Protein backbone atom coordinates (compact mmCIF):
# COMPACT_ATOMS: atom_id res chain seq x y z
CA MET A 1 -0.11 -0.14 -0.01
CA SER A 2 1.14 3.58 -0.71
CA THR A 3 0.56 6.92 0.82
CA LEU A 4 -0.63 9.94 -1.06
CA THR A 5 -0.36 13.41 0.18
CA ILE A 6 -2.58 16.18 -1.16
CA ASN A 7 -2.97 19.90 -0.55
CA LEU A 8 -6.35 21.31 0.33
CA THR A 9 -7.27 24.89 1.26
CA ASP A 10 -8.43 25.41 4.70
CA ASP A 11 -12.00 25.75 3.58
CA ARG A 12 -11.95 22.47 1.82
CA LEU A 13 -10.37 20.71 4.74
CA ARG A 14 -13.06 22.14 7.03
CA ALA A 15 -15.81 20.90 4.57
CA LEU A 16 -14.10 17.57 4.38
CA GLU A 17 -13.83 17.13 8.14
CA LYS A 18 -17.50 18.32 8.57
CA LEU A 19 -18.83 15.76 6.11
CA SER A 20 -16.65 13.00 7.66
CA ASN A 21 -17.92 13.88 11.10
CA ARG A 22 -21.55 13.90 9.81
CA LEU A 23 -21.01 10.48 8.13
CA ASN A 24 -19.07 9.21 11.28
CA ILE A 25 -16.04 8.01 9.31
CA PRO A 26 -12.50 9.29 9.42
CA SER A 27 -11.60 12.01 6.70
CA GLU A 28 -8.96 9.67 5.19
CA GLU A 29 -11.49 6.97 4.75
CA LEU A 30 -13.93 9.32 3.05
CA VAL A 31 -11.32 10.49 0.62
CA ARG A 32 -10.33 6.80 -0.07
CA MET A 33 -13.94 5.79 -0.73
CA SER A 34 -14.35 8.77 -3.16
CA ILE A 35 -11.23 7.84 -5.15
CA GLU A 36 -12.33 4.15 -5.29
CA GLU A 37 -15.73 5.38 -6.60
CA ILE A 38 -14.08 7.45 -9.35
CA LEU A 39 -11.62 4.73 -10.27
CA THR A 40 -14.33 1.90 -10.40
CA ARG A 41 -17.01 3.97 -11.91
CA PRO A 42 -17.90 2.84 -15.60
CA ASP A 43 -16.85 5.54 -18.14
CA ASP A 44 -20.63 5.54 -19.27
CA THR A 45 -21.72 7.11 -15.99
CA PHE A 46 -19.63 10.36 -16.97
CA GLN A 47 -19.57 10.02 -20.66
CA GLU A 48 -23.35 9.79 -21.41
CA PRO A 49 -24.38 12.73 -19.52
CA MET A 50 -21.52 14.77 -20.81
CA LYS A 51 -22.44 13.85 -24.34
CA TYR A 52 -26.09 14.75 -23.79
CA VAL A 53 -25.04 18.16 -22.36
CA LEU A 54 -22.64 18.86 -25.26
CA ASP A 55 -25.23 17.85 -27.88
CA LYS A 56 -27.97 19.80 -26.23
CA ASN A 57 -25.91 22.95 -25.98
CA SER A 58 -24.24 22.61 -29.29
CA PRO A 59 -26.15 25.38 -31.08
CA LEU A 60 -25.19 27.64 -28.20
CA PHE A 61 -21.56 26.70 -28.31
CA LYS A 62 -21.49 27.38 -32.09
CA ARG A 63 -22.98 30.82 -31.64
CA LEU A 64 -20.56 31.69 -28.82
CA ALA A 65 -17.66 30.47 -30.93
CA ALA A 66 -18.71 32.63 -33.95
């Protein structure tokens, strides 16, 4: 197992600690679980909604780019 060090702003650290306290789990465990979720989530979970939003807003993006 390896150790990872990250930098958080004080506000983000307080928010993380508040959430972990509310969930009654250590902050480190909450972060580990979040990373696991991202790494194990099928790409379609993100890709399909992203494609929908991009397709839906395509005319707007084209107007903004002109």
